[in-house]
Amino acid sequence: MITLTLKEQPNVPLEAECLSPDVTAGLVLAEVRALPVFLGKRQLRLEDFFSIEGEGGDELEIHGDVHQVKWIGRGMTRGRINVVGNAGMHLGAYMKGGIIKVSGNASDWVGGEMTDGLIHIRGNAGGQAGAAYRGSLAGMRGGAILIEGSAGLELGSRMKRGVIAVKGLVKDFAGLQMKGGTIFLLGGAEIRTGAWMIRGTIVSLGPIRLLPTFTYACVYNPTFLRLYARQLRPFGFSIPYAVQDGAYRRYTGDASVPGKGELLLWQGHAS
């Protein structure tokens, strides 16, 4: 494992695409220290910003408040990254495999257009987690993003596959133009949830304000939620599904597209 400790905060965002197991695996320590990073237009060495110890491999542990460090784990296909602190923009963007865990908060574009792998944020996340980049037709296409705190705007925008689960409150436009996949809103969301969604499922355990373009369909307990509940339970995410506990009100939309997505709103039995 390679351990990196931030020496001091960069004065502008530092682009460090080299912080990926795909890059460091097979390198000796001197080669890791010499990996290129970019501070504005200047190309510098990784060791200019981090104290680096350990042996080359497919596991990285990053210590310090690296909220100014961008592109950690970009395109990674394997291995593991542990961030002990906060993480910067584009964490796990284009990720294809492996695991990223963050003990603090993460900035915007967590898991942007990822296709596989797991990202687990203990704190809050910024906007556009799992979303499509501007001008792209599809967001995340697989994998999972788990956020224990809150999340920002446009969560899962244009996502096609995969799972996003958020314990805290999510801001506006969750599931914007969603094309597939599943979003779990354990703490509810603000306004315009599911706007222009075409397909996919949004499950909310907290209150949300429905757009008028969603139509009530039925009340039921989807069988597939049992599978999600079993998969998410080890990570501390609880998804109710038992009939004796309550049921889900199903709404379809967004009719303005028109779309065939669904919103499932949990209604527990009164105690």
C-alpha atoms as a PDB file:
ATOM      1  CA  MET A   1       0.000   0.000   0.000  1.00  0.00           C
ATOM      2  CA  ILE A   2       1.107   3.547  -0.750  1.00  0.00           C
ATOM      3  CA  THR A   3       0.386   6.187   1.891  1.00  0.00           C
ATOM      4  CA  LEU A   4       0.233   9.833   0.842  1.00  0.00           C
ATOM      5  CA  THR A   5      -0.008  12.718   3.318  1.00  0.00           C
ATOM      6  CA  LEU A   6      -0.796  16.224   2.109  1.00  0.00           C
ATOM      7  CA  LYS A   7       1.974  18.681   2.991  1.00  0.00           C
ATOM      8  CA  GLU A   8      -0.006  21.902   2.484  1.00  0.00           C
ATOM      9  CA  GLN A   9      -3.099  23.098   0.648  1.00  0.00           C
ATOM     10  CA  PRO A  10      -2.460  24.078  -2.981  1.00  0.00           C
ATOM     11  CA  ASN A  11      -3.476  27.689  -3.680  1.00  0.00           C
ATOM     12  CA  VAL A  12      -5.538  26.601  -6.708  1.00  0.00           C
ATOM     13  CA  PRO A  13      -7.104  23.191  -7.489  1.00  0.00           C
ATOM     14  CA  LEU A  14      -4.478  20.531  -8.134  1.00  0.00           C
ATOM     15  CA  GLU A  15      -5.151  18.083 -10.972  1.00  0.00           C
ATOM     16  CA  ALA A  16      -3.864  14.673  -9.896  1.00  0.00           C
ATOM     17  CA  GLU A  17      -5.144  12.006 -12.289  1.00  0.00           C
ATOM     18  CA  CYS A  18      -2.108   9.947 -11.328  1.00  0.00           C
ATOM     19  CA  LEU A  19      -3.753   9.086  -7.986  1.00  0.00           C
ATOM     20  CA  SER A  20      -5.142   5.830  -9.299  1.00  0.00           C
ATOM     21  CA  PRO A  21      -4.219   2.182  -8.623  1.00  0.00           C
ATOM     22  CA  ASP A  22      -3.935   1.665 -12.383  1.00  0.00           C
ATOM     23  CA  VAL A  23      -1.102   4.198 -12.448  1.00  0.00           C
ATOM     24  CA  THR A  24       0.778   3.276  -9.274  1.00  0.00           C
ATOM     25  CA  ALA A  25       0.637  -0.522  -9.556  1.00  0.00           C
ATOM     26  CA  GLY A  26       4.045  -1.842 -10.565  1.00  0.00           C
ATOM     27  CA  LEU A  27       5.926   1.396  -9.828  1.00  0.00           C
ATOM     28  CA  VAL A  28       8.727   1.714  -7.322  1.00  0.00           C
ATOM     29  CA  LEU A  29       8.452   4.460  -4.697  1.00  0.00           C
ATOM     30  CA  ALA A  30      10.767   6.844  -6.557  1.00  0.00           C
ATOM     31  CA  GLU A  31       8.594   6.571  -9.651  1.00  0.00           C
ATOM     32  CA  VAL A  32       5.447   7.268  -7.654  1.00  0.00           C
ATOM     33  CA  ARG A  33       7.007  10.386  -6.163  1.00  0.00           C
ATOM     34  CA  ALA A  34       7.902  11.615  -9.638  1.00  0.00           C
ATOM     35  CA  LEU A  35       4.400  11.223 -11.102  1.00  0.00           C
ATOM     36  CA  PRO A  36       3.146  14.417 -12.811  1.00  0.00           C
ATOM     37  CA  VAL A  37       0.458  16.684 -11.384  1.00  0.00           C
ATOM     38  CA  PHE A  38      -0.769  20.035 -12.671  1.00  0.00           C
ATOM     39  CA  LEU A  39      -1.163  23.242 -10.681  1.00  0.00           C
ATOM     40  CA  GLY A  40      -2.764  25.585 -13.143  1.00  0.00           C
ATOM     41  CA  LYS A  41      -0.536  25.432 -16.237  1.00  0.00           C
ATOM     42  CA  ARG A  42       2.530  24.200 -14.353  1.00  0.00           C
ATOM     43  CA  GLN A  43       3.503  20.530 -14.359  1.00  0.00           C
ATOM     44  CA  LEU A  44       5.008  19.487 -11.035  1.00  0.00           C
ATOM     45  CA  ARG A  45       5.795  16.275  -9.192  1.00  0.00           C
ATOM     46  CA  LEU A  46       3.445  14.421  -6.855  1.00  0.00           C
ATOM     47  CA  GLU A  47       6.036  14.638  -4.068  1.00  0.00           C
ATOM     48  CA  ASP A  48       5.874  18.441  -4.223  1.00  0.00           C
ATOM     49  CA  PHE A  49       2.484  18.220  -2.478  1.00  0.00           C
ATOM     50  CA  PHE A  50       2.502  14.871  -0.681  1.00  0.00           C
ATOM     51  CA  SER A  51       4.789  12.937   1.619  1.00  0.00           C
ATOM     52  CA  ILE A  52       4.780   9.467   0.086  1.00  0.00           C
ATOM     53  CA  GLU A  53       5.670   6.193   1.787  1.00  0.00           C
ATOM     54  CA  GLY A  54       5.087   2.484   1.222  1.00  0.00           C
ATOM     55  CA  GLU A  55       5.369   0.215  -1.767  1.00  0.00           C
ATOM     56  CA  GLY A  56       3.863   0.404  -5.228  1.00  0.00           C
ATOM     57  CA  GLY A  57       0.600  -1.499  -5.511  1.00  0.00           C
ATOM     58  CA  ASP A  58      -3.093  -1.220  -6.210  1.00  0.00           C
ATOM     59  CA  GLU A  59      -4.062   0.326  -2.857  1.00  0.00           C
ATOM     60  CA  LEU A  60      -3.683   4.012  -1.973  1.00  0.00           C
ATOM     61  CA  GLU A  61      -4.390   5.770   1.316  1.00  0.00           C
ATOM     62  CA  ILE A  62      -4.533   9.559   1.192  1.00  0.00           C
ATOM     63  CA  HIS A  63      -4.380  11.587   4.423  1.00  0.00           C
ATOM     64  CA  GLY A  64      -5.355  15.221   4.796  1.00  0.00           C
ATOM     65  CA  ASP A  65      -7.981  17.659   3.563  1.00  0.00           C
ATOM     66  CA  VAL A  66      -7.596  17.150  -0.194  1.00  0.00           C
ATOM     67  CA  HIS A  67     -10.724  19.078  -1.220  1.00  0.00           C
ATOM     68  CA  GLN A  68      -8.490  21.049  -3.606  1.00  0.00           C
ATOM     69  CA  VAL A  69      -7.225  17.887  -5.325  1.00  0.00           C
ATOM     70  CA  LYS A  70      -9.206  16.943  -8.443  1.00  0.00           C
ATOM     71  CA  TRP A  71      -9.626  13.703 -10.426  1.00  0.00           C
ATOM     72  CA  ILE A  72      -8.615  11.230  -7.705  1.00  0.00           C
ATOM     73  CA  GLY A  73      -9.323   7.736  -9.047  1.00  0.00           C
ATOM     74  CA  ARG A  74     -10.199   8.924 -12.542  1.00  0.00           C
ATOM     75  CA  GLY A  75     -10.917   5.946 -14.807  1.00  0.00           C
ATOM     76  CA  MET A  76      -9.614   3.397 -12.283  1.00  0.00           C
ATOM     77  CA  THR A  77     -10.401  -0.239 -13.087  1.00  0.00           C
ATOM     78  CA  ARG A  78      -9.196  -2.023  -9.935  1.00  0.00           C
ATOM     79  CA  GLY A  79      -7.779  -1.668  -6.456  1.00  0.00           C
ATOM     80  CA  ARG A  80      -8.774   0.599  -3.616  1.00  0.00           C
ATOM     81  CA  ILE A  81      -8.418   4.245  -2.601  1.00  0.00           C
ATOM     82  CA  ASN A  82      -9.037   5.381   0.984  1.00  0.00           C
ATOM     83  CA  VAL A  83      -9.258   9.136   1.536  1.00  0.00           C
ATOM     84  CA  VAL A  84      -8.884   9.965   5.222  1.00  0.00           C
ATOM     85  CA  GLY A  85     -10.339  13.463   5.047  1.00  0.00           C
ATOM     86  CA  ASN A  86     -12.230  15.425   2.400  1.00  0.00           C
ATOM     87  CA  ALA A  87     -11.941  14.837  -1.360  1.00  0.00           C
ATOM     88  CA  GLY A  88     -12.034  17.219  -4.317  1.00  0.00           C
ATOM     89  CA  MET A  89     -14.011  17.437  -7.556  1.00  0.00           C
ATOM     90  CA  HIS A  90     -14.414  14.569 -10.033  1.00  0.00           C
ATOM     91  CA  LEU A  91     -13.641  11.823  -7.506  1.00  0.00           C
ATOM     92  CA  GLY A  92     -13.934   8.486  -9.321  1.00  0.00           C
ATOM     93  CA  ALA A  93     -14.964  10.071 -12.618  1.00  0.00           C
ATOM     94  CA  TYR A  94     -15.175   7.505 -15.452  1.00  0.00           C
ATOM     95  CA  MET A  95     -14.472   4.780 -12.874  1.00  0.00           C
ATOM     96  CA  LYS A  96     -14.625   1.218 -14.246  1.00  0.00           C
ATOM     97  CA  GLY A  97     -13.889  -0.864 -11.131  1.00  0.00           C
ATOM     98  CA  GLY A  98     -12.403  -0.964  -7.660  1.00  0.00           C
ATOM     99  CA  ILE A  99     -13.424   0.808  -4.454  1.00  0.00           C
ATOM    100  CA  ILE A 100     -13.099   4.405  -3.262  1.00  0.00           C
ATOM    101  CA  LYS A 101     -13.911   5.324   0.342  1.00  0.00           C
ATOM    102  CA  VAL A 102     -13.905   8.844   1.796  1.00  0.00           C
ATOM    103  CA  SER A 103     -14.104   9.474   5.552  1.00  0.00           C
ATOM    104  CA  GLY A 104     -15.128  13.131   5.104  1.00  0.00           C
ATOM    105  CA  ASN A 105     -16.965  15.130   2.460  1.00  0.00           C
ATOM    106  CA  ALA A 106     -16.605  15.072  -1.323  1.00  0.00           C
ATOM    107  CA  SER A 107     -17.055  17.881  -3.838  1.00  0.00           C
ATOM    108  CA  ASP A 108     -18.980  17.992  -7.143  1.00  0.00           C
ATOM    109  CA  TRP A 109     -19.137  15.299  -9.834  1.00  0.00           C
ATOM    110  CA  VAL A 110     -18.509  12.236  -7.637  1.00  0.00           C
ATOM    111  CA  GLY A 111     -18.532   9.219  -9.969  1.00  0.00           C
ATOM    112  CA  GLY A 112     -19.289  11.277 -13.060  1.00  0.00           C
ATOM    113  CA  GLU A 113     -20.113   8.855 -15.910  1.00  0.00           C
ATOM    114  CA  MET A 114     -18.717   5.866 -13.984  1.00  0.00           C
ATOM    115  CA  THR A 115     -19.462   2.386 -15.378  1.00  0.00           C
ATOM    116  CA  ASP A 116     -18.572   0.095 -12.454  1.00  0.00           C
ATOM    117  CA  GLY A 117     -17.049   0.048  -8.985  1.00  0.00           C
ATOM    118  CA  LEU A 118     -18.073   1.394  -5.579  1.00  0.00           C
ATOM    119  CA  ILE A 119     -17.750   4.893  -4.117  1.00  0.00           C
ATOM    120  CA  HIS A 120     -18.670   5.285  -0.424  1.00  0.00           C
ATOM    121  CA  ILE A 121     -18.760   8.795   1.067  1.00  0.00           C
ATOM    122  CA  ARG A 122     -19.100   9.035   4.856  1.00  0.00           C
ATOM    123  CA  GLY A 123     -19.931  12.742   4.768  1.00  0.00           C
ATOM    124  CA  ASN A 124     -21.704  14.988   2.264  1.00  0.00           C
ATOM    125  CA  ALA A 125     -21.318  15.159  -1.511  1.00  0.00           C
ATOM    126  CA  GLY A 126     -21.610  18.125  -3.832  1.00  0.00           C
ATOM    127  CA  GLY A 127     -23.675  18.453  -6.968  1.00  0.00           C
ATOM    128  CA  GLN A 128     -23.924  16.174 -10.006  1.00  0.00           C
ATOM    129  CA  ALA A 129     -22.940  12.923  -8.284  1.00  0.00           C
ATOM    130  CA  GLY A 130     -23.211  10.122 -10.842  1.00  0.00           C
ATOM    131  CA  ALA A 131     -24.280  12.626 -13.481  1.00  0.00           C
ATOM    132  CA  ALA A 132     -23.462  13.184 -17.144  1.00  0.00           C
ATOM    133  CA  TYR A 133     -20.906  15.820 -17.991  1.00  0.00           C
ATOM    134  CA  ARG A 134     -22.165  18.824 -19.922  1.00  0.00           C
ATOM    135  CA  GLY A 135     -22.912  17.846 -23.510  1.00  0.00           C
ATOM    136  CA  SER A 136     -22.883  14.102 -22.780  1.00  0.00           C
ATOM    137  CA  LEU A 137     -26.020  12.018 -23.330  1.00  0.00           C
ATOM    138  CA  ALA A 138     -25.522   9.568 -20.442  1.00  0.00           C
ATOM    139  CA  GLY A 139     -24.382   9.719 -16.834  1.00  0.00           C
ATOM    140  CA  MET A 140     -23.282   6.738 -14.758  1.00  0.00           C
ATOM    141  CA  ARG A 141     -23.798   3.388 -16.506  1.00  0.00           C
ATOM    142  CA  GLY A 142     -23.132   1.041 -13.595  1.00  0.00           C
ATOM    143  CA  GLY A 143     -21.604   0.659 -10.165  1.00  0.00           C
ATOM    144  CA  ALA A 144     -22.752   2.199  -6.896  1.00  0.00           C
ATOM    145  CA  ILE A 145     -22.422   5.555  -5.117  1.00  0.00           C
ATOM    146  CA  LEU A 146     -23.285   5.538  -1.402  1.00  0.00           C
ATOM    147  CA  ILE A 147     -23.481   8.890   0.431  1.00  0.00           C
ATOM    148  CA  GLU A 148     -24.111   8.938   4.167  1.00  0.00           C
ATOM    149  CA  GLY A 149     -24.660  12.696   4.378  1.00  0.00           C
ATOM    150  CA  SER A 150     -26.497  15.046   2.035  1.00  0.00           C
ATOM    151  CA  ALA A 151     -26.043  15.573  -1.717  1.00  0.00           C
ATOM    152  CA  GLY A 152     -26.266  18.549  -4.052  1.00  0.00           C
ATOM    153  CA  LEU A 153     -28.027  19.424  -7.280  1.00  0.00           C
ATOM    154  CA  GLU A 154     -28.750  17.067 -10.199  1.00  0.00           C
ATOM    155  CA  LEU A 155     -27.974  13.818  -8.432  1.00  0.00           C
ATOM    156  CA  GLY A 156     -27.849  11.028 -11.033  1.00  0.00           C
ATOM    157  CA  SER A 157     -28.613  13.322 -13.942  1.00  0.00           C
ATOM    158  CA  ARG A 158     -29.034  11.246 -17.152  1.00  0.00           C
ATOM    159  CA  MET A 159     -27.857   8.071 -15.406  1.00  0.00           C
ATOM    160  CA  LYS A 160     -28.579   4.851 -17.335  1.00  0.00           C
ATOM    161  CA  ARG A 161     -27.665   2.086 -14.859  1.00  0.00           C
ATOM    162  CA  GLY A 162     -26.283   1.608 -11.388  1.00  0.00           C
ATOM    163  CA  VAL A 163     -27.352   2.553  -7.867  1.00  0.00           C
ATOM    164  CA  ILE A 164     -27.124   5.783  -5.893  1.00  0.00           C
ATOM    165  CA  ALA A 165     -28.180   5.871  -2.231  1.00  0.00           C
ATOM    166  CA  VAL A 166     -28.186   9.009  -0.057  1.00  0.00           C
ATOM    167  CA  LYS A 167     -29.065   9.099   3.641  1.00  0.00           C
ATOM    168  CA  GLY A 168     -29.426  12.869   3.969  1.00  0.00           C
ATOM    169  CA  LEU A 169     -31.450  15.494   2.154  1.00  0.00           C
ATOM    170  CA  VAL A 170     -30.848  15.842  -1.594  1.00  0.00           C
ATOM    171  CA  LYS A 171     -31.160  19.176  -3.379  1.00  0.00           C
ATOM    172  CA  ASP A 172     -33.159  20.069  -6.515  1.00  0.00           C
ATOM    173  CA  PHE A 173     -33.408  18.020  -9.715  1.00  0.00           C
ATOM    174  CA  ALA A 174     -32.529  14.592  -8.303  1.00  0.00           C
ATOM    175  CA  GLY A 175     -32.803  12.130 -11.206  1.00  0.00           C
ATOM    176  CA  LEU A 176     -32.910  14.884 -13.835  1.00  0.00           C
ATOM    177  CA  GLN A 177     -33.436  13.321 -17.311  1.00  0.00           C
ATOM    178  CA  MET A 178     -32.839   9.903 -15.763  1.00  0.00           C
ATOM    179  CA  LYS A 179     -32.696   7.060 -18.301  1.00  0.00           C
ATOM    180  CA  GLY A 180     -32.339   4.036 -16.018  1.00  0.00           C
ATOM    181  CA  GLY A 181     -30.862   2.786 -12.780  1.00  0.00           C
ATOM    182  CA  THR A 182     -32.087   3.287  -9.220  1.00  0.00           C
ATOM    183  CA  ILE A 183     -31.804   6.197  -6.793  1.00  0.00           C
ATOM    184  CA  PHE A 184     -32.599   5.819  -3.079  1.00  0.00           C
ATOM    185  CA  LEU A 185     -33.451   9.035  -1.220  1.00  0.00           C
ATOM    186  CA  LEU A 186     -33.502   7.982   2.420  1.00  0.00           C
ATOM    187  CA  GLY A 187     -33.818  11.559   3.664  1.00  0.00           C
ATOM    188  CA  GLY A 188     -36.066  12.896   0.912  1.00  0.00           C
ATOM    189  CA  ALA A 189     -35.323  15.640  -1.583  1.00  0.00           C
ATOM    190  CA  GLU A 190     -36.134  19.236  -2.402  1.00  0.00           C
ATOM    191  CA  ILE A 191     -38.012  20.231  -5.574  1.00  0.00           C
ATOM    192  CA  ARG A 192     -38.249  18.910  -9.158  1.00  0.00           C
ATOM    193  CA  THR A 193     -37.328  15.321  -8.327  1.00  0.00           C
ATOM    194  CA  GLY A 194     -37.410  13.168 -11.468  1.00  0.00           C
ATOM    195  CA  ALA A 195     -37.859  16.088 -13.850  1.00  0.00           C
ATOM    196  CA  TRP A 196     -37.886  14.878 -17.475  1.00  0.00           C
ATOM    197  CA  MET A 197     -37.000  11.335 -16.428  1.00  0.00           C
ATOM    198  CA  ILE A 198     -37.504   8.753 -19.184  1.00  0.00           C
ATOM    199  CA  ARG A 199     -36.929   5.504 -17.303  1.00  0.00           C
ATOM    200  CA  GLY A 200     -35.492   4.313 -14.022  1.00  0.00           C
ATOM    201  CA  THR A 201     -36.654   4.212 -10.417  1.00  0.00           C
ATOM    202  CA  ILE A 202     -36.446   6.787  -7.633  1.00  0.00           C
ATOM    203  CA  VAL A 203     -37.294   5.470  -4.150  1.00  0.00           C
ATOM    204  CA  SER A 204     -37.908   8.055  -1.441  1.00  0.00           C
ATOM    205  CA  LEU A 205     -38.308   7.280   2.247  1.00  0.00           C
ATOM    206  CA  GLY A 206     -38.626  10.978   3.117  1.00  0.00           C
ATOM    207  CA  PRO A 207     -41.002  13.643   1.843  1.00  0.00           C
ATOM    208  CA  ILE A 208     -40.716  15.007  -1.688  1.00  0.00           C
ATOM    209  CA  ARG A 209     -42.862  17.466  -3.621  1.00  0.00           C
ATOM    210  CA  LEU A 210     -44.208  15.716  -6.718  1.00  0.00           C
ATOM    211  CA  LEU A 211     -44.240  17.417 -10.092  1.00  0.00           C
ATOM    212  CA  PRO A 212     -47.765  17.625 -11.576  1.00  0.00           C
ATOM    213  CA  THR A 213     -46.562  15.550 -14.544  1.00  0.00           C
ATOM    214  CA  PHE A 214     -46.384  12.382 -12.410  1.00  0.00           C
ATOM    215  CA  THR A 215     -49.470  10.188 -12.204  1.00  0.00           C
ATOM    216  CA  TYR A 216     -50.525   7.966  -9.307  1.00  0.00           C
ATOM    217  CA  ALA A 217     -50.528   4.264 -10.271  1.00  0.00           C
ATOM    218  CA  CYS A 218     -50.954   2.004  -7.232  1.00  0.00           C
ATOM    219  CA  VAL A 219     -49.784   1.003  -3.762  1.00  0.00           C
ATOM    220  CA  TYR A 220     -47.548  -2.063  -3.510  1.00  0.00           C
ATOM    221  CA  ASN A 221     -44.348  -3.575  -2.130  1.00  0.00           C
ATOM    222  CA  PRO A 222     -41.910  -4.248  -4.983  1.00  0.00           C
ATOM    223  CA  THR A 223     -40.161  -7.602  -4.719  1.00  0.00           C
ATOM    224  CA  PHE A 224     -36.936  -6.247  -6.229  1.00  0.00           C
ATOM    225  CA  LEU A 225     -36.423  -3.954  -3.220  1.00  0.00           C
ATOM    226  CA  ARG A 226     -35.618  -7.014  -1.103  1.00  0.00           C
ATOM    227  CA  LEU A 227     -32.505  -7.576  -3.221  1.00  0.00           C
ATOM    228  CA  TYR A 228     -31.395  -3.960  -2.868  1.00  0.00           C
ATOM    229  CA  ALA A 229     -32.079  -4.043   0.890  1.00  0.00           C
ATOM    230  CA  ARG A 230     -29.860  -7.109   1.262  1.00  0.00           C
ATOM    231  CA  GLN A 231     -27.040  -5.539  -0.774  1.00  0.00           C
ATOM    232  CA  LEU A 232     -27.132  -2.157   0.985  1.00  0.00           C
ATOM    233  CA  ARG A 233     -27.571  -3.388   4.567  1.00  0.00           C
ATOM    234  CA  PRO A 234     -23.848  -4.174   5.139  1.00  0.00           C
ATOM    235  CA  PHE A 235     -23.061  -0.525   4.317  1.00  0.00           C
ATOM    236  CA  GLY A 236     -25.545   0.795   6.883  1.00  0.00           C
ATOM    237  CA  PHE A 237     -28.342   1.698   4.461  1.00  0.00           C
ATOM    238  CA  SER A 238     -31.758   0.381   5.511  1.00  0.00           C
ATOM    239  CA  ILE A 239     -34.457  -0.033   2.838  1.00  0.00           C
ATOM    240  CA  PRO A 240     -37.919  -1.072   4.116  1.00  0.00           C
ATOM    241  CA  TYR A 241     -39.900  -3.575   2.060  1.00  0.00           C
ATOM    242  CA  ALA A 242     -41.985  -5.727   4.428  1.00  0.00           C
ATOM    243  CA  VAL A 243     -45.783  -5.511   4.101  1.00  0.00           C
ATOM    244  CA  GLN A 244     -46.228  -5.383   7.869  1.00  0.00           C
ATOM    245  CA  ASP A 245     -44.149  -2.186   8.012  1.00  0.00           C
ATOM    246  CA  GLY A 246     -45.837  -0.219   5.230  1.00  0.00           C
ATOM    247  CA  ALA A 247     -46.070   0.126   1.462  1.00  0.00           C
ATOM    248  CA  TYR A 248     -44.948   2.264  -1.477  1.00  0.00           C
ATOM    249  CA  ARG A 249     -47.144   4.636  -3.443  1.00  0.00           C
ATOM    250  CA  ARG A 250     -46.120   4.356  -7.098  1.00  0.00           C
ATOM    251  CA  TYR A 251     -46.187   7.319  -9.485  1.00  0.00           C
ATOM    252  CA  THR A 252     -45.208   7.245 -13.159  1.00  0.00           C
ATOM    253  CA  GLY A 253     -43.761   9.982 -15.358  1.00  0.00           C
ATOM    254  CA  ASP A 254     -42.440  12.364 -16.353  1.00  0.00           C
ATOM    255  CA  ALA A 255     -45.432  12.826 -18.700  1.00  0.00           C
ATOM    256  CA  SER A 256     -43.932  16.002 -20.172  1.00  0.00           C
ATOM    257  CA  VAL A 257     -41.224  13.980 -21.979  1.00  0.00           C
ATOM    258  CA  PRO A 258     -43.198  11.602 -22.084  1.00  0.00           C
ATOM    259  CA  GLY A 259     -41.386   9.165 -19.821  1.00  0.00           C
ATOM    260  CA  LYS A 260     -41.906   5.767 -18.213  1.00  0.00           C
ATOM    261  CA  GLY A 261     -39.982   6.310 -15.020  1.00  0.00           C
ATOM    262  CA  GLU A 262     -41.325   5.602 -11.554  1.00  0.00           C
ATOM    263  CA  LEU A 263     -41.272   7.267  -8.160  1.00  0.00           C
ATOM    264  CA  LEU A 264     -41.858   5.016  -5.139  1.00  0.00           C
ATOM    265  CA  LEU A 265     -42.835   6.911  -1.987  1.00  0.00           C
ATOM    266  CA  TRP A 266     -42.707   4.973   1.274  1.00  0.00           C
ATOM    267  CA  GLN A 267     -45.670   5.106   3.636  1.00  0.00           C
ATOM    268  CA  GLY A 268     -45.100   3.400   6.961  1.00  0.00           C
ATOM    269  CA  HIS A 269     -47.964   2.132   9.061  1.00  0.00           C
ATOM    270  CA  ALA A 270     -48.921   4.452  11.895  1.00  0.00           C
ATOM    271  CA  SER A 271     -47.789   3.044  15.216  1.00  0.00           C
END
